[in-house]
Amino acid sequence: MTVLTLEDAKLHLRLETGDTAEDAQLQGLIDAAVDYARQFLNRPIPWAGDDGTEIPLPASVRAAILLILGDLYENREGQIVGTIRADNPAVERLLHFYRVGLGV
């Protein structure tokens, strides 16, 4: 299952959907955003229920992936000069309830 399509990503980033010039780079950023969420959640995305069937991706997890994608797209350089920058707490708040294996 595709978690996030190129068209979904382009709509979120307000890019022209017919323009394919950045598709390869954008797909790499989508993959990185999904991987970030997967690592944070400590589970595959999408994941399977107890009966082995795939669970539909919760809207909050999808929204977090879009936020991560937006950050990766807007901040494509290794350094940010001349600005104050802070992580968006919404990402962790949206993903928090789906984390597994956190221990006690």
PDB file of N, CA and C in Angstrom:
ATOM      1  N   MET A   1       0.839  -1.181   0.000  1.00  0.00           N
ATOM      2  CA  MET A   1       0.000   0.000   0.000  1.00  0.00           C
ATOM      3  C   MET A   1       0.883   1.243   0.000  1.00  0.00           C
ATOM      4  N   THR A   2       0.530   2.208  -0.824  1.00  0.00           N
ATOM      5  CA  THR A   2       1.223   3.479  -0.825  1.00  0.00           C
ATOM      6  C   THR A   2       0.638   4.340   0.285  1.00  0.00           C
ATOM      7  N   VAL A   3       1.497   4.751   1.182  1.00  0.00           N
ATOM      8  CA  VAL A   3       1.057   5.568   2.311  1.00  0.00           C
ATOM      9  C   VAL A   3       0.717   6.976   1.847  1.00  0.00           C
ATOM     10  N   LEU A   4       1.538   7.514   0.949  1.00  0.00           N
ATOM     11  CA  LEU A   4       1.363   8.878   0.474  1.00  0.00           C
ATOM     12  C   LEU A   4       1.771   8.934  -0.994  1.00  0.00           C
ATOM     13  N   THR A   5       0.873   9.352  -1.855  1.00  0.00           N
ATOM     14  CA  THR A   5       1.189   9.424  -3.280  1.00  0.00           C
ATOM     15  C   THR A   5       1.900  10.735  -3.604  1.00  0.00           C
ATOM     16  N   LEU A   6       2.516  10.771  -4.776  1.00  0.00           N
ATOM     17  CA  LEU A   6       3.145  12.007  -5.234  1.00  0.00           C
ATOM     18  C   LEU A   6       2.103  13.121  -5.353  1.00  0.00           C
ATOM     19  N   GLU A   7       0.926  12.790  -5.828  1.00  0.00           N
ATOM     20  CA  GLU A   7      -0.133  13.800  -5.961  1.00  0.00           C
ATOM     21  C   GLU A   7      -0.532  14.360  -4.605  1.00  0.00           C
ATOM     22  N   ASP A   8      -0.685  13.484  -3.592  1.00  0.00           N
ATOM     23  CA  ASP A   8      -0.993  13.947  -2.233  1.00  0.00           C
ATOM     24  C   ASP A   8       0.086  14.892  -1.728  1.00  0.00           C
ATOM     25  N   ALA A   9       1.342  14.510  -1.960  1.00  0.00           N
ATOM     26  CA  ALA A   9       2.474  15.321  -1.504  1.00  0.00           C
ATOM     27  C   ALA A   9       2.487  16.673  -2.196  1.00  0.00           C
ATOM     28  N   LYS A  10       2.254  16.684  -3.501  1.00  0.00           N
ATOM     29  CA  LYS A  10       2.259  17.942  -4.255  1.00  0.00           C
ATOM     30  C   LYS A  10       1.124  18.859  -3.794  1.00  0.00           C
ATOM     31  N   LEU A  11      -0.036  18.299  -3.520  1.00  0.00           N
ATOM     32  CA  LEU A  11      -1.140  19.113  -3.018  1.00  0.00           C
ATOM     33  C   LEU A  11      -0.787  19.737  -1.679  1.00  0.00           C
ATOM     34  N   HIS A  12      -0.183  18.947  -0.792  1.00  0.00           N
ATOM     35  CA  HIS A  12       0.213  19.454   0.524  1.00  0.00           C
ATOM     36  C   HIS A  12       1.263  20.551   0.402  1.00  0.00           C
ATOM     37  N   LEU A  13       2.210  20.366  -0.499  1.00  0.00           N
ATOM     38  CA  LEU A  13       3.302  21.324  -0.667  1.00  0.00           C
ATOM     39  C   LEU A  13       2.932  22.482  -1.596  1.00  0.00           C
ATOM     40  N   ARG A  14       1.716  22.448  -2.129  1.00  0.00           N
ATOM     41  CA  ARG A  14       1.217  23.462  -3.062  1.00  0.00           C
ATOM     42  C   ARG A  14       2.088  23.563  -4.313  1.00  0.00           C
ATOM     43  N   LEU A  15       2.433  22.393  -4.856  1.00  0.00           N
ATOM     44  CA  LEU A  15       3.191  22.308  -6.103  1.00  0.00           C
ATOM     45  C   LEU A  15       2.234  21.964  -7.230  1.00  0.00           C
ATOM     46  N   GLU A  16       2.614  22.293  -8.436  1.00  0.00           N
ATOM     47  CA  GLU A  16       1.805  21.949  -9.606  1.00  0.00           C
ATOM     48  C   GLU A  16       1.790  20.428  -9.757  1.00  0.00           C
ATOM     49  N   THR A  17       0.608  19.833  -9.804  1.00  0.00           N
ATOM     50  CA  THR A  17       0.522  18.370  -9.879  1.00  0.00           C
ATOM     51  C   THR A  17       0.984  17.827 -11.222  1.00  0.00           C
ATOM     52  N   GLY A  18       0.919  18.639 -12.282  1.00  0.00           N
ATOM     53  CA  GLY A  18       1.343  18.173 -13.599  1.00  0.00           C
ATOM     54  C   GLY A  18       2.841  18.274 -13.834  1.00  0.00           C
ATOM     55  N   ASP A  19       3.538  19.006 -12.980  1.00  0.00           N
ATOM     56  CA  ASP A  19       4.982  19.185 -13.131  1.00  0.00           C
ATOM     57  C   ASP A  19       5.699  17.969 -12.544  1.00  0.00           C
ATOM     58  N   THR A  20       6.464  17.278 -13.382  1.00  0.00           N
ATOM     59  CA  THR A  20       7.136  16.050 -12.937  1.00  0.00           C
ATOM     60  C   THR A  20       8.638  16.238 -12.728  1.00  0.00           C
ATOM     61  N   ALA A  21       9.132  17.479 -12.843  1.00  0.00           N
ATOM     62  CA  ALA A  21      10.573  17.735 -12.773  1.00  0.00           C
ATOM     63  C   ALA A  21      11.189  17.297 -11.444  1.00  0.00           C
ATOM     64  N   GLU A  22      10.445  17.428 -10.355  1.00  0.00           N
ATOM     65  CA  GLU A  22      10.983  17.100  -9.032  1.00  0.00           C
ATOM     66  C   GLU A  22      10.456  15.772  -8.485  1.00  0.00           C
ATOM     67  N   ASP A  23       9.788  14.981  -9.286  1.00  0.00           N
ATOM     68  CA  ASP A  23       9.144  13.764  -8.789  1.00  0.00           C
ATOM     69  C   ASP A  23      10.106  12.799  -8.108  1.00  0.00           C
ATOM     70  N   ALA A  24      11.274  12.575  -8.674  1.00  0.00           N
ATOM     71  CA  ALA A  24      12.226  11.625  -8.076  1.00  0.00           C
ATOM     72  C   ALA A  24      12.695  12.131  -6.721  1.00  0.00           C
ATOM     73  N   GLN A  25      13.021  13.422  -6.645  1.00  0.00           N
ATOM     74  CA  GLN A  25      13.461  13.992  -5.371  1.00  0.00           C
ATOM     75  C   GLN A  25      12.322  13.968  -4.361  1.00  0.00           C
ATOM     76  N   LEU A  26      11.129  14.315  -4.808  1.00  0.00           N
ATOM     77  CA  LEU A  26       9.971  14.330  -3.929  1.00  0.00           C
ATOM     78  C   LEU A  26       9.655  12.937  -3.405  1.00  0.00           C
ATOM     79  N   GLN A  27       9.784  11.911  -4.238  1.00  0.00           N
ATOM     80  CA  GLN A  27       9.546  10.541  -3.789  1.00  0.00           C
ATOM     81  C   GLN A  27      10.545  10.149  -2.710  1.00  0.00           C
ATOM     82  N   GLY A  28      11.786  10.585  -2.865  1.00  0.00           N
ATOM     83  CA  GLY A  28      12.787  10.326  -1.834  1.00  0.00           C
ATOM     84  C   GLY A  28      12.428  10.986  -0.508  1.00  0.00           C
ATOM     85  N   LEU A  29      11.881  12.201  -0.567  1.00  0.00           N
ATOM     86  CA  LEU A  29      11.462  12.890   0.661  1.00  0.00           C
ATOM     87  C   LEU A  29      10.250  12.214   1.291  1.00  0.00           C
ATOM     88  N   ILE A  30       9.334  11.725   0.455  1.00  0.00           N
ATOM     89  CA  ILE A  30       8.186  10.968   0.972  1.00  0.00           C
ATOM     90  C   ILE A  30       8.684   9.724   1.703  1.00  0.00           C
ATOM     91  N   ASP A  31       9.587   8.989   1.072  1.00  0.00           N
ATOM     92  CA  ASP A  31      10.137   7.779   1.687  1.00  0.00           C
ATOM     93  C   ASP A  31      10.824   8.103   3.013  1.00  0.00           C
ATOM     94  N   ALA A  32      11.560   9.224   3.048  1.00  0.00           N
ATOM     95  CA  ALA A  32      12.250   9.618   4.280  1.00  0.00           C
ATOM     96  C   ALA A  32      11.254  10.002   5.375  1.00  0.00           C
ATOM     97  N   ALA A  33      10.177  10.695   5.006  1.00  0.00           N
ATOM     98  CA  ALA A  33       9.167  11.089   5.992  1.00  0.00           C
ATOM     99  C   ALA A  33       8.461   9.868   6.575  1.00  0.00           C
ATOM    100  N   VAL A  34       8.121   8.917   5.716  1.00  0.00           N
ATOM    101  CA  VAL A  34       7.485   7.680   6.190  1.00  0.00           C
ATOM    102  C   VAL A  34       8.461   6.904   7.073  1.00  0.00           C
ATOM    103  N   ASP A  35       9.734   6.846   6.682  1.00  0.00           N
ATOM    104  CA  ASP A  35      10.743   6.152   7.476  1.00  0.00           C
ATOM    105  C   ASP A  35      10.915   6.805   8.842  1.00  0.00           C
ATOM    106  N   TYR A  36      10.910   8.130   8.897  1.00  0.00           N
ATOM    107  CA  TYR A  36      11.016   8.839  10.177  1.00  0.00           C
ATOM    108  C   TYR A  36       9.858   8.435  11.091  1.00  0.00           C
ATOM    109  N   ALA A  37       8.633   8.482  10.543  1.00  0.00           N
ATOM    110  CA  ALA A  37       7.462   8.111  11.337  1.00  0.00           C
ATOM    111  C   ALA A  37       7.544   6.648  11.767  1.00  0.00           C
ATOM    112  N   ARG A  38       7.993   5.775  10.871  1.00  0.00           N
ATOM    113  CA  ARG A  38       8.119   4.347  11.191  1.00  0.00           C
ATOM    114  C   ARG A  38       9.083   4.140  12.356  1.00  0.00           C
ATOM    115  N   GLN A  39      10.207   4.818  12.312  1.00  0.00           N
ATOM    116  CA  GLN A  39      11.189   4.675  13.386  1.00  0.00           C
ATOM    117  C   GLN A  39      10.666   5.254  14.703  1.00  0.00           C
ATOM    118  N   PHE A  40       9.987   6.386  14.627  1.00  0.00           N
ATOM    119  CA  PHE A  40       9.427   6.997  15.836  1.00  0.00           C
ATOM    120  C   PHE A  40       8.385   6.080  16.462  1.00  0.00           C
ATOM    121  N   LEU A  41       7.545   5.473  15.615  1.00  0.00           N
ATOM    122  CA  LEU A  41       6.486   4.596  16.107  1.00  0.00           C
ATOM    123  C   LEU A  41       6.985   3.216  16.507  1.00  0.00           C
ATOM    124  N   ASN A  42       8.156   2.846  16.012  1.00  0.00           N
ATOM    125  CA  ASN A  42       8.710   1.518  16.267  1.00  0.00           C
ATOM    126  C   ASN A  42       7.791   0.418  15.727  1.00  0.00           C
ATOM    127  N   ARG A  43       7.226   0.670  14.539  1.00  0.00           N
ATOM    128  CA  ARG A  43       6.353  -0.300  13.880  1.00  0.00           C
ATOM    129  C   ARG A  43       6.332  -0.013  12.385  1.00  0.00           C
ATOM    130  N   PRO A  44       5.983  -1.006  11.587  1.00  0.00           N
ATOM    131  CA  PRO A  44       5.899  -0.762  10.135  1.00  0.00           C
ATOM    132  C   PRO A  44       4.718   0.156   9.807  1.00  0.00           C
ATOM    133  N   ILE A  45       4.818   0.833   8.699  1.00  0.00           N
ATOM    134  CA  ILE A  45       3.722   1.670   8.211  1.00  0.00           C
ATOM    135  C   ILE A  45       3.416   1.221   6.791  1.00  0.00           C
ATOM    136  N   PRO A  46       2.188   0.818   6.496  1.00  0.00           N
ATOM    137  CA  PRO A  46       1.100   0.595   7.440  1.00  0.00           C
ATOM    138  C   PRO A  46       1.357  -0.663   8.270  1.00  0.00           C
ATOM    139  N   TRP A  47       0.625  -0.840   9.339  1.00  0.00           N
ATOM    140  CA  TRP A  47       0.814  -2.011  10.190  1.00  0.00           C
ATOM    141  C   TRP A  47      -0.409  -2.921  10.125  1.00  0.00           C
ATOM    142  N   ALA A  48      -0.223  -4.131  10.630  1.00  0.00           N
ATOM    143  CA  ALA A  48      -1.297  -5.131  10.592  1.00  0.00           C
ATOM    144  C   ALA A  48      -1.915  -5.280  11.975  1.00  0.00           C
ATOM    145  N   GLY A  49      -3.194  -5.607  11.975  1.00  0.00           N
ATOM    146  CA  GLY A  49      -3.899  -5.871  13.223  1.00  0.00           C
ATOM    147  C   GLY A  49      -3.578  -7.263  13.744  1.00  0.00           C
ATOM    148  N   ASP A  50      -4.195  -7.642  14.843  1.00  0.00           N
ATOM    149  CA  ASP A  50      -3.969  -8.952  15.456  1.00  0.00           C
ATOM    150  C   ASP A  50      -4.330 -10.096  14.518  1.00  0.00           C
ATOM    151  N   ASP A  51      -5.290  -9.856  13.626  1.00  0.00           N
ATOM    152  CA  ASP A  51      -5.707 -10.904  12.696  1.00  0.00           C
ATOM    153  C   ASP A  51      -4.877 -10.909  11.409  1.00  0.00           C
ATOM    154  N   GLY A  52      -3.873 -10.032  11.321  1.00  0.00           N
ATOM    155  CA  GLY A  52      -2.988 -10.008  10.166  1.00  0.00           C
ATOM    156  C   GLY A  52      -3.437  -9.106   9.032  1.00  0.00           C
ATOM    157  N   THR A  53      -4.630  -8.532   9.145  1.00  0.00           N
ATOM    158  CA  THR A  53      -5.091  -7.636   8.094  1.00  0.00           C
ATOM    159  C   THR A  53      -4.520  -6.235   8.305  1.00  0.00           C
ATOM    160  N   GLU A  54      -4.311  -5.560   7.198  1.00  0.00           N
ATOM    161  CA  GLU A  54      -3.723  -4.224   7.248  1.00  0.00           C
ATOM    162  C   GLU A  54      -4.698  -3.227   7.872  1.00  0.00           C
ATOM    163  N   ILE A  55      -4.189  -2.454   8.817  1.00  0.00           N
ATOM    164  CA  ILE A  55      -4.973  -1.418   9.485  1.00  0.00           C
ATOM    165  C   ILE A  55      -4.934  -0.161   8.610  1.00  0.00           C
ATOM    166  N   PRO A  56      -6.072   0.473   8.352  1.00  0.00           N
ATOM    167  CA  PRO A  56      -6.036   1.742   7.611  1.00  0.00           C
ATOM    168  C   PRO A  56      -5.188   2.767   8.382  1.00  0.00           C
ATOM    169  N   LEU A  57      -4.400   3.534   7.659  1.00  0.00           N
ATOM    170  CA  LEU A  57      -3.522   4.512   8.291  1.00  0.00           C
ATOM    171  C   LEU A  57      -4.356   5.570   9.008  1.00  0.00           C
ATOM    172  N   PRO A  58      -4.153   5.747  10.313  1.00  0.00           N
ATOM    173  CA  PRO A  58      -4.908   6.774  11.033  1.00  0.00           C
ATOM    174  C   PRO A  58      -4.619   8.166  10.467  1.00  0.00           C
ATOM    175  N   ALA A  59      -5.623   9.021  10.473  1.00  0.00           N
ATOM    176  CA  ALA A  59      -5.489  10.373   9.922  1.00  0.00           C
ATOM    177  C   ALA A  59      -4.380  11.156  10.610  1.00  0.00           C
ATOM    178  N   SER A  60      -4.195  10.961  11.903  1.00  0.00           N
ATOM    179  CA  SER A  60      -3.151  11.710  12.615  1.00  0.00           C
ATOM    180  C   SER A  60      -1.758  11.269  12.182  1.00  0.00           C
ATOM    181  N   VAL A  61      -1.572   9.993  11.878  1.00  0.00           N
ATOM    182  CA  VAL A  61      -0.266   9.521  11.395  1.00  0.00           C
ATOM    183  C   VAL A  61      -0.013  10.081   9.997  1.00  0.00           C
ATOM    184  N   ARG A  62      -1.023  10.076   9.151  1.00  0.00           N
ATOM    185  CA  ARG A  62      -0.877  10.648   7.809  1.00  0.00           C
ATOM    186  C   ARG A  62      -0.554  12.135   7.896  1.00  0.00           C
ATOM    187  N   ALA A  63      -1.240  12.858   8.782  1.00  0.00           N
ATOM    188  CA  ALA A  63      -0.981  14.294   8.952  1.00  0.00           C
ATOM    189  C   ALA A  63       0.450  14.534   9.429  1.00  0.00           C
ATOM    190  N   ALA A  64       0.948  13.704  10.341  1.00  0.00           N
ATOM    191  CA  ALA A  64       2.318  13.846  10.827  1.00  0.00           C
ATOM    192  C   ALA A  64       3.318  13.614   9.694  1.00  0.00           C
ATOM    193  N   ILE A  65       3.059  12.623   8.863  1.00  0.00           N
ATOM    194  CA  ILE A  65       3.947  12.346   7.726  1.00  0.00           C
ATOM    195  C   ILE A  65       3.971  13.549   6.778  1.00  0.00           C
ATOM    196  N   LEU A  66       2.821  14.169   6.556  1.00  0.00           N
ATOM    197  CA  LEU A  66       2.770  15.356   5.705  1.00  0.00           C
ATOM    198  C   LEU A  66       3.548  16.517   6.322  1.00  0.00           C
ATOM    199  N   LEU A  67       3.449  16.687   7.639  1.00  0.00           N
ATOM    200  CA  LEU A  67       4.218  17.747   8.312  1.00  0.00           C
ATOM    201  C   LEU A  67       5.717  17.498   8.187  1.00  0.00           C
ATOM    202  N   ILE A  68       6.130  16.256   8.368  1.00  0.00           N
ATOM    203  CA  ILE A  68       7.548  15.902   8.231  1.00  0.00           C
ATOM    204  C   ILE A  68       7.995  16.162   6.795  1.00  0.00           C
ATOM    205  N   LEU A  69       7.170  15.760   5.827  1.00  0.00           N
ATOM    206  CA  LEU A  69       7.489  15.985   4.420  1.00  0.00           C
ATOM    207  C   LEU A  69       7.666  17.481   4.141  1.00  0.00           C
ATOM    208  N   GLY A  70       6.762  18.306   4.644  1.00  0.00           N
ATOM    209  CA  GLY A  70       6.860  19.746   4.448  1.00  0.00           C
ATOM    210  C   GLY A  70       8.151  20.308   5.001  1.00  0.00           C
ATOM    211  N   ASP A  71       8.546  19.828   6.164  1.00  0.00           N
ATOM    212  CA  ASP A  71       9.802  20.276   6.770  1.00  0.00           C
ATOM    213  C   ASP A  71      10.999  19.851   5.927  1.00  0.00           C
ATOM    214  N   LEU A  72      10.998  18.607   5.476  1.00  0.00           N
ATOM    215  CA  LEU A  72      12.095  18.125   4.637  1.00  0.00           C
ATOM    216  C   LEU A  72      12.176  18.905   3.328  1.00  0.00           C
ATOM    217  N   TYR A  73      11.032  19.235   2.757  1.00  0.00           N
ATOM    218  CA  TYR A  73      11.007  19.952   1.484  1.00  0.00           C
ATOM    219  C   TYR A  73      11.485  21.400   1.647  1.00  0.00           C
ATOM    220  N   GLU A  74      11.030  22.069   2.687  1.00  0.00           N
ATOM    221  CA  GLU A  74      11.390  23.473   2.895  1.00  0.00           C
ATOM    222  C   GLU A  74      12.811  23.653   3.408  1.00  0.00           C
ATOM    223  N   ASN A  75      13.350  22.653   4.069  1.00  0.00           N
ATOM    224  CA  ASN A  75      14.689  22.748   4.667  1.00  0.00           C
ATOM    225  C   ASN A  75      15.595  21.687   4.063  1.00  0.00           C
ATOM    226  N   ARG A  76      15.898  21.849   2.782  1.00  0.00           N
ATOM    227  CA  ARG A  76      16.657  20.836   2.045  1.00  0.00           C
ATOM    228  C   ARG A  76      18.159  20.959   2.215  1.00  0.00           C
ATOM    229  N   GLU A  77      18.600  21.948   2.932  1.00  0.00           N
ATOM    230  CA  GLU A  77      20.042  22.139   3.143  1.00  0.00           C
ATOM    231  C   GLU A  77      20.435  21.635   4.524  1.00  0.00           C
ATOM    232  N   GLY A  78      21.722  21.383   4.713  1.00  0.00           N
ATOM    233  CA  GLY A  78      22.222  20.893   5.994  1.00  0.00           C
ATOM    234  C   GLY A  78      22.298  21.953   7.067  1.00  0.00           C
ATOM    235  N   GLN A  79      22.254  23.222   6.660  1.00  0.00           N
ATOM    236  CA  GLN A  79      22.348  24.316   7.617  1.00  0.00           C
ATOM    237  C   GLN A  79      21.264  25.339   7.338  1.00  0.00           C
ATOM    238  N   ILE A  80      20.821  25.992   8.400  1.00  0.00           N
ATOM    239  CA  ILE A  80      19.870  27.090   8.281  1.00  0.00           C
ATOM    240  C   ILE A  80      20.571  28.310   8.860  1.00  0.00           C
ATOM    241  N   VAL A  81      20.701  29.354   8.071  1.00  0.00           N
ATOM    242  CA  VAL A  81      21.446  30.536   8.476  1.00  0.00           C
ATOM    243  C   VAL A  81      20.492  31.693   8.747  1.00  0.00           C
ATOM    244  N   GLY A  82      20.750  32.403   9.849  1.00  0.00           N
ATOM    245  CA  GLY A  82      20.056  33.646  10.115  1.00  0.00           C
ATOM    246  C   GLY A  82      18.614  33.533  10.545  1.00  0.00           C
ATOM    247  N   THR A  83      18.248  32.468  11.182  1.00  0.00           N
ATOM    248  CA  THR A  83      16.864  32.334  11.629  1.00  0.00           C
ATOM    249  C   THR A  83      16.805  31.463  12.877  1.00  0.00           C
ATOM    250  N   ILE A  84      15.775  31.662  13.634  1.00  0.00           N
ATOM    251  CA  ILE A  84      15.528  30.798  14.792  1.00  0.00           C
ATOM    252  C   ILE A  84      14.633  29.672  14.306  1.00  0.00           C
ATOM    253  N   ARG A  85      14.977  28.457  14.666  1.00  0.00           N
ATOM    254  CA  ARG A  85      14.238  27.298  14.187  1.00  0.00           C
ATOM    255  C   ARG A  85      13.922  26.389  15.359  1.00  0.00           C
ATOM    256  N   ALA A  86      12.722  25.848  15.374  1.00  0.00           N
ATOM    257  CA  ALA A  86      12.322  24.904  16.416  1.00  0.00           C
ATOM    258  C   ALA A  86      11.530  23.778  15.770  1.00  0.00           C
ATOM    259  N   ASP A  87      11.617  22.592  16.350  1.00  0.00           N
ATOM    260  CA  ASP A  87      10.823  21.468  15.853  1.00  0.00           C
ATOM    261  C   ASP A  87       9.348  21.712  16.129  1.00  0.00           C
ATOM    262  N   ASN A  88       8.517  21.246  15.220  1.00  0.00           N
ATOM    263  CA  ASN A  88       7.079  21.369  15.371  1.00  0.00           C
ATOM    264  C   ASN A  88       6.598  20.270  16.323  1.00  0.00           C
ATOM    265  N   PRO A  89       6.085  20.630  17.494  1.00  0.00           N
ATOM    266  CA  PRO A  89       5.647  19.598  18.448  1.00  0.00           C
ATOM    267  C   PRO A  89       4.440  18.802  17.964  1.00  0.00           C
ATOM    268  N   ALA A  90       3.753  19.280  16.936  1.00  0.00           N
ATOM    269  CA  ALA A  90       2.577  18.565  16.427  1.00  0.00           C
ATOM    270  C   ALA A  90       2.937  17.189  15.899  1.00  0.00           C
ATOM    271  N   VAL A  91       4.128  17.048  15.329  1.00  0.00           N
ATOM    272  CA  VAL A  91       4.528  15.747  14.776  1.00  0.00           C
ATOM    273  C   VAL A  91       4.512  14.683  15.872  1.00  0.00           C
ATOM    274  N   GLU A  92       5.210  14.935  16.979  1.00  0.00           N
ATOM    275  CA  GLU A  92       5.243  13.947  18.060  1.00  0.00           C
ATOM    276  C   GLU A  92       3.876  13.775  18.700  1.00  0.00           C
ATOM    277  N   ARG A  93       3.121  14.843  18.816  1.00  0.00           N
ATOM    278  CA  ARG A  93       1.788  14.736  19.407  1.00  0.00           C
ATOM    279  C   ARG A  93       0.862  13.869  18.557  1.00  0.00           C
ATOM    280  N   LEU A  94       0.958  14.002  17.240  1.00  0.00           N
ATOM    281  CA  LEU A  94       0.113  13.201  16.350  1.00  0.00           C
ATOM    282  C   LEU A  94       0.512  11.736  16.340  1.00  0.00           C
ATOM    283  N   LEU A  95       1.810  11.462  16.459  1.00  0.00           N
ATOM    284  CA  LEU A  95       2.295  10.079  16.386  1.00  0.00           C
ATOM    285  C   LEU A  95       2.291   9.363  17.733  1.00  0.00           C
ATOM    286  N   HIS A  96       2.338  10.094  18.820  1.00  0.00           N
ATOM    287  CA  HIS A  96       2.551   9.531  20.157  1.00  0.00           C
ATOM    288  C   HIS A  96       1.649   8.342  20.495  1.00  0.00           C
ATOM    289  N   PHE A  97       0.380   8.441  20.230  1.00  0.00           N
ATOM    290  CA  PHE A  97      -0.560   7.408  20.679  1.00  0.00           C
ATOM    291  C   PHE A  97      -0.453   6.099  19.887  1.00  0.00           C
ATOM    292  N   TYR A  98       0.324   6.098  18.808  1.00  0.00           N
ATOM    293  CA  TYR A  98       0.473   4.894  18.013  1.00  0.00           C
ATOM    294  C   TYR A  98       1.842   4.244  18.206  1.00  0.00           C
ATOM    295  N   ARG A  99       2.659   4.792  19.119  1.00  0.00           N
ATOM    296  CA  ARG A  99       3.977   4.207  19.391  1.00  0.00           C
ATOM    297  C   ARG A  99       3.815   2.867  20.099  1.00  0.00           C
ATOM    298  N   VAL A 100       4.756   1.974  19.844  1.00  0.00           N
ATOM    299  CA  VAL A 100       4.746   0.669  20.521  1.00  0.00           C
ATOM    300  C   VAL A 100       6.127   0.410  21.089  1.00  0.00           C
ATOM    301  N   GLY A 101       6.162  -0.462  22.110  1.00  0.00           N
ATOM    302  CA  GLY A 101       7.439  -0.918  22.667  1.00  0.00           C
ATOM    303  C   GLY A 101       8.204   0.140  23.430  1.00  0.00           C
ATOM    304  N   LEU A 102       7.502   1.026  24.146  1.00  0.00           N
ATOM    305  CA  LEU A 102       8.193   2.072  24.878  1.00  0.00           C
ATOM    306  C   LEU A 102       8.704   1.619  26.243  1.00  0.00           C
ATOM    307  N   GLY A 103       8.265   0.469  26.694  1.00  0.00           N
ATOM    308  CA  GLY A 103       8.699  -0.013  28.008  1.00  0.00           C
ATOM    309  C   GLY A 103       7.921   0.657  29.118  1.00  0.00           C
ATOM    310  N   VAL A 104       8.413   0.484  30.344  1.00  0.00           N
ATOM    311  CA  VAL A 104       7.735   1.089  31.499  1.00  0.00           C
ATOM    312  C   VAL A 104       8.476   2.256  32.047  1.00  0.00           C
TER     313      VAL A 104
END
